[in-house]
Amino acid sequence: MKKNTAILLITSLVLVLTAFKVTSAEEEAQQIEPNKSVAWYVANIKDAKTKNQQCYDDPNLKDTEDCQNALHALQISFKGGN
């Protein structure tokens, strides 16, 4: 019984640490690369297309400010300023 409890405790600890590490990595990535504005993406349309593809490929990124800005810039570029 003690062996099963120890295994369960170790497994739980590993899962908690793994979840913390993933969250920290995501936060670190956001700090390294700040969000770009819609204006920046309009001026750099190739980068807007690249970011839009990344956002499409990873649904977790879809609602981020950077993805929204890139999409908005593409809409402006292809539909016009209004």
N, C-alpha and C. Protein backbone atom coordinates (compact mmCIF):
# COMPACT_ATOMS: atom_id res chain seq x y z
N MET A 1 0.82 -1.19 0.00
CA MET A 1 0.00 0.00 0.00
C MET A 1 0.87 1.26 0.00
N LYS A 2 1.96 1.26 0.76
CA LYS A 2 2.85 2.41 0.81
C LYS A 2 3.48 2.65 -0.56
N LYS A 3 3.79 1.57 -1.26
CA LYS A 3 4.42 1.69 -2.57
C LYS A 3 3.47 2.40 -3.54
N ASN A 4 2.19 2.02 -3.53
CA ASN A 4 1.21 2.66 -4.42
C ASN A 4 1.03 4.13 -4.07
N THR A 5 1.02 4.45 -2.81
CA THR A 5 0.88 5.84 -2.37
C THR A 5 2.08 6.66 -2.82
N ALA A 6 3.27 6.10 -2.70
CA ALA A 6 4.48 6.80 -3.11
C ALA A 6 4.48 7.04 -4.62
N ILE A 7 4.08 6.05 -5.38
CA ILE A 7 4.03 6.19 -6.84
C ILE A 7 3.02 7.27 -7.23
N LEU A 8 1.87 7.25 -6.58
CA LEU A 8 0.84 8.25 -6.86
C LEU A 8 1.33 9.65 -6.52
N LEU A 9 2.01 9.79 -5.41
CA LEU A 9 2.54 11.09 -4.98
C LEU A 9 3.59 11.59 -5.97
N ILE A 10 4.49 10.74 -6.38
CA ILE A 10 5.55 11.13 -7.33
C ILE A 10 4.94 11.50 -8.68
N THR A 11 3.98 10.72 -9.14
CA THR A 11 3.33 11.01 -10.41
C THR A 11 2.62 12.36 -10.36
N SER A 12 1.93 12.63 -9.28
CA SER A 12 1.24 13.91 -9.11
C SER A 12 2.22 15.08 -9.11
N LEU A 13 3.32 14.90 -8.43
CA LEU A 13 4.35 15.94 -8.37
C LEU A 13 4.92 16.22 -9.76
N VAL A 14 5.19 15.18 -10.52
CA VAL A 14 5.73 15.35 -11.87
C VAL A 14 4.72 16.10 -12.76
N LEU A 15 3.45 15.76 -12.64
CA LEU A 15 2.42 16.44 -13.45
C LEU A 15 2.32 17.91 -13.08
N VAL A 16 2.38 18.22 -11.81
CA VAL A 16 2.30 19.61 -11.37
C VAL A 16 3.51 20.40 -11.88
N LEU A 17 4.69 19.84 -11.76
CA LEU A 17 5.90 20.52 -12.22
C LEU A 17 5.90 20.70 -13.73
N THR A 18 5.41 19.71 -14.46
CA THR A 18 5.33 19.81 -15.91
C THR A 18 4.37 20.92 -16.32
N ALA A 19 3.23 21.00 -15.68
CA ALA A 19 2.25 22.04 -15.99
C ALA A 19 2.84 23.42 -15.69
N PHE A 20 3.56 23.55 -14.61
CA PHE A 20 4.19 24.83 -14.26
C PHE A 20 5.23 25.22 -15.29
N LYS A 21 6.01 24.26 -15.75
CA LYS A 21 7.05 24.54 -16.73
C LYS A 21 6.45 24.99 -18.06
N VAL A 22 5.37 24.37 -18.50
CA VAL A 22 4.72 24.75 -19.75
C VAL A 22 4.20 26.17 -19.64
N THR A 23 3.55 26.50 -18.54
CA THR A 23 3.03 27.85 -18.35
C THR A 23 4.16 28.86 -18.35
N SER A 24 5.24 28.56 -17.68
CA SER A 24 6.37 29.48 -17.63
C SER A 24 6.98 29.69 -19.01
N ALA A 25 7.07 28.65 -19.80
CA ALA A 25 7.64 28.76 -21.14
C ALA A 25 6.76 29.66 -22.02
N GLU A 26 5.44 29.52 -21.90
CA GLU A 26 4.54 30.36 -22.68
C GLU A 26 4.66 31.82 -22.27
N GLU A 27 4.72 32.06 -20.97
CA GLU A 27 4.86 33.43 -20.48
C GLU A 27 6.19 34.03 -20.93
N GLU A 28 7.24 33.23 -20.89
CA GLU A 28 8.57 33.71 -21.30
C GLU A 28 8.58 34.06 -22.77
N ALA A 29 7.94 33.25 -23.60
CA ALA A 29 7.89 33.52 -25.04
C ALA A 29 7.17 34.83 -25.32
N GLN A 30 6.12 35.11 -24.57
CA GLN A 30 5.39 36.35 -24.77
C GLN A 30 6.22 37.56 -24.34
N GLN A 31 7.05 37.40 -23.34
CA GLN A 31 7.88 38.50 -22.87
C GLN A 31 9.01 38.79 -23.85
N ILE A 32 9.53 37.78 -24.51
CA ILE A 32 10.63 37.95 -25.44
C ILE A 32 10.16 38.70 -26.68
N GLU A 33 9.00 38.35 -27.18
CA GLU A 33 8.48 38.93 -28.42
C GLU A 33 7.20 39.71 -28.11
N PRO A 34 7.32 41.02 -27.93
CA PRO A 34 6.12 41.80 -27.60
C PRO A 34 5.13 41.84 -28.77
N ASN A 35 3.88 42.09 -28.44
CA ASN A 35 2.85 42.17 -29.48
C ASN A 35 3.14 43.34 -30.41
N LYS A 36 2.89 43.11 -31.66
CA LYS A 36 3.06 44.16 -32.66
C LYS A 36 1.71 44.79 -32.94
N SER A 37 1.72 46.06 -33.28
CA SER A 37 0.48 46.79 -33.52
C SER A 37 -0.08 46.48 -34.90
N VAL A 38 -1.33 46.86 -35.10
CA VAL A 38 -1.96 46.70 -36.41
C VAL A 38 -1.18 47.50 -37.45
N ALA A 39 -0.78 48.70 -37.07
CA ALA A 39 -0.02 49.56 -37.99
C ALA A 39 1.28 48.88 -38.41
N TRP A 40 1.96 48.24 -37.47
CA TRP A 40 3.21 47.56 -37.80
C TRP A 40 2.95 46.44 -38.80
N TYR A 41 1.88 45.67 -38.56
CA TYR A 41 1.56 44.58 -39.47
C TYR A 41 1.13 45.09 -40.85
N VAL A 42 0.44 46.24 -40.90
CA VAL A 42 0.07 46.81 -42.20
C VAL A 42 1.33 47.18 -42.97
N ALA A 43 2.31 47.72 -42.27
CA ALA A 43 3.57 48.10 -42.91
C ALA A 43 4.44 46.89 -43.24
N ASN A 44 4.18 45.77 -42.60
CA ASN A 44 4.97 44.54 -42.80
C ASN A 44 4.01 43.39 -43.12
N ILE A 45 3.37 43.47 -44.25
CA ILE A 45 2.29 42.55 -44.59
C ILE A 45 2.76 41.10 -44.70
N LYS A 46 3.99 40.88 -45.11
CA LYS A 46 4.52 39.52 -45.19
C LYS A 46 4.57 38.89 -43.79
N ASP A 47 4.98 39.68 -42.80
CA ASP A 47 5.00 39.19 -41.42
C ASP A 47 3.58 38.96 -40.90
N ALA A 48 2.65 39.79 -41.34
CA ALA A 48 1.24 39.60 -40.94
C ALA A 48 0.71 38.28 -41.47
N LYS A 49 1.07 37.95 -42.71
CA LYS A 49 0.64 36.68 -43.30
C LYS A 49 1.26 35.50 -42.55
N THR A 50 2.54 35.64 -42.20
CA THR A 50 3.22 34.57 -41.46
C THR A 50 2.59 34.37 -40.09
N LYS A 51 2.34 35.47 -39.37
CA LYS A 51 1.72 35.38 -38.05
C LYS A 51 0.32 34.81 -38.16
N ASN A 52 -0.43 35.23 -39.17
CA ASN A 52 -1.78 34.72 -39.36
C ASN A 52 -1.76 33.20 -39.58
N GLN A 53 -0.78 32.72 -40.33
CA GLN A 53 -0.67 31.27 -40.55
C GLN A 53 -0.34 30.55 -39.26
N GLN A 54 0.55 31.12 -38.45
CA GLN A 54 0.89 30.53 -37.14
C GLN A 54 -0.36 30.45 -36.26
N CYS A 55 -1.15 31.50 -36.28
CA CYS A 55 -2.36 31.55 -35.46
C CYS A 55 -3.39 30.54 -35.95
N TYR A 56 -3.47 30.36 -37.25
CA TYR A 56 -4.39 29.39 -37.83
C TYR A 56 -3.95 27.96 -37.47
N ASP A 57 -2.64 27.72 -37.50
CA ASP A 57 -2.10 26.39 -37.21
C ASP A 57 -2.21 26.02 -35.74
N ASP A 58 -2.20 27.00 -34.85
CA ASP A 58 -2.26 26.75 -33.41
C ASP A 58 -3.47 27.48 -32.81
N PRO A 59 -4.58 26.79 -32.65
CA PRO A 59 -5.80 27.43 -32.14
C PRO A 59 -5.63 28.10 -30.78
N ASN A 60 -4.64 27.71 -30.01
CA ASN A 60 -4.40 28.34 -28.71
C ASN A 60 -3.95 29.79 -28.86
N LEU A 61 -3.39 30.13 -30.00
CA LEU A 61 -2.91 31.49 -30.24
C LEU A 61 -3.98 32.40 -30.82
N LYS A 62 -5.05 31.82 -31.32
CA LYS A 62 -6.06 32.55 -32.08
C LYS A 62 -6.57 33.82 -31.38
N ASP A 63 -6.77 33.77 -30.08
CA ASP A 63 -7.34 34.90 -29.36
C ASP A 63 -6.31 35.86 -28.78
N THR A 64 -5.04 35.67 -29.11
CA THR A 64 -4.02 36.57 -28.58
C THR A 64 -4.08 37.91 -29.31
N GLU A 65 -3.60 38.94 -28.66
CA GLU A 65 -3.61 40.28 -29.24
C GLU A 65 -2.81 40.33 -30.53
N ASP A 66 -1.67 39.65 -30.54
CA ASP A 66 -0.81 39.65 -31.73
C ASP A 66 -1.54 39.03 -32.93
N CYS A 67 -2.23 37.93 -32.72
CA CYS A 67 -2.97 37.29 -33.80
C CYS A 67 -4.11 38.19 -34.30
N GLN A 68 -4.81 38.80 -33.37
CA GLN A 68 -5.90 39.70 -33.75
C GLN A 68 -5.37 40.89 -34.55
N ASN A 69 -4.22 41.43 -34.14
CA ASN A 69 -3.62 42.56 -34.85
C ASN A 69 -3.20 42.16 -36.27
N ALA A 70 -2.60 41.00 -36.41
CA ALA A 70 -2.18 40.54 -37.73
C ALA A 70 -3.38 40.34 -38.65
N LEU A 71 -4.43 39.72 -38.12
CA LEU A 71 -5.63 39.49 -38.91
C LEU A 71 -6.27 40.82 -39.32
N HIS A 72 -6.35 41.75 -38.39
CA HIS A 72 -6.93 43.06 -38.69
C HIS A 72 -6.12 43.77 -39.78
N ALA A 73 -4.82 43.69 -39.70
CA ALA A 73 -3.96 44.31 -40.71
C ALA A 73 -4.21 43.70 -42.09
N LEU A 74 -4.37 42.39 -42.14
CA LEU A 74 -4.66 41.73 -43.42
C LEU A 74 -6.01 42.16 -43.96
N GLN A 75 -6.98 42.28 -43.07
CA GLN A 75 -8.30 42.74 -43.51
C GLN A 75 -8.23 44.15 -44.07
N ILE A 76 -7.49 45.02 -43.41
CA ILE A 76 -7.33 46.39 -43.88
C ILE A 76 -6.65 46.40 -45.25
N SER A 77 -5.61 45.61 -45.39
CA SER A 77 -4.82 45.60 -46.62
C SER A 77 -5.62 45.10 -47.82
N PHE A 78 -6.47 44.11 -47.58
CA PHE A 78 -7.18 43.51 -48.71
C PHE A 78 -8.56 44.10 -48.94
N LYS A 79 -9.14 44.78 -47.94
CA LYS A 79 -10.46 45.37 -48.10
C LYS A 79 -10.42 46.87 -48.23
N GLY A 80 -9.35 47.48 -47.79
CA GLY A 80 -9.26 48.93 -47.80
C GLY A 80 -9.26 49.47 -46.37
N GLY A 81 -8.99 50.75 -46.22
CA GLY A 81 -8.82 51.36 -44.91
C GLY A 81 -10.04 51.45 -44.04
N ASN A 82 -11.23 51.44 -44.59
CA ASN A 82 -12.44 51.56 -43.78
C ASN A 82 -12.97 50.21 -43.54
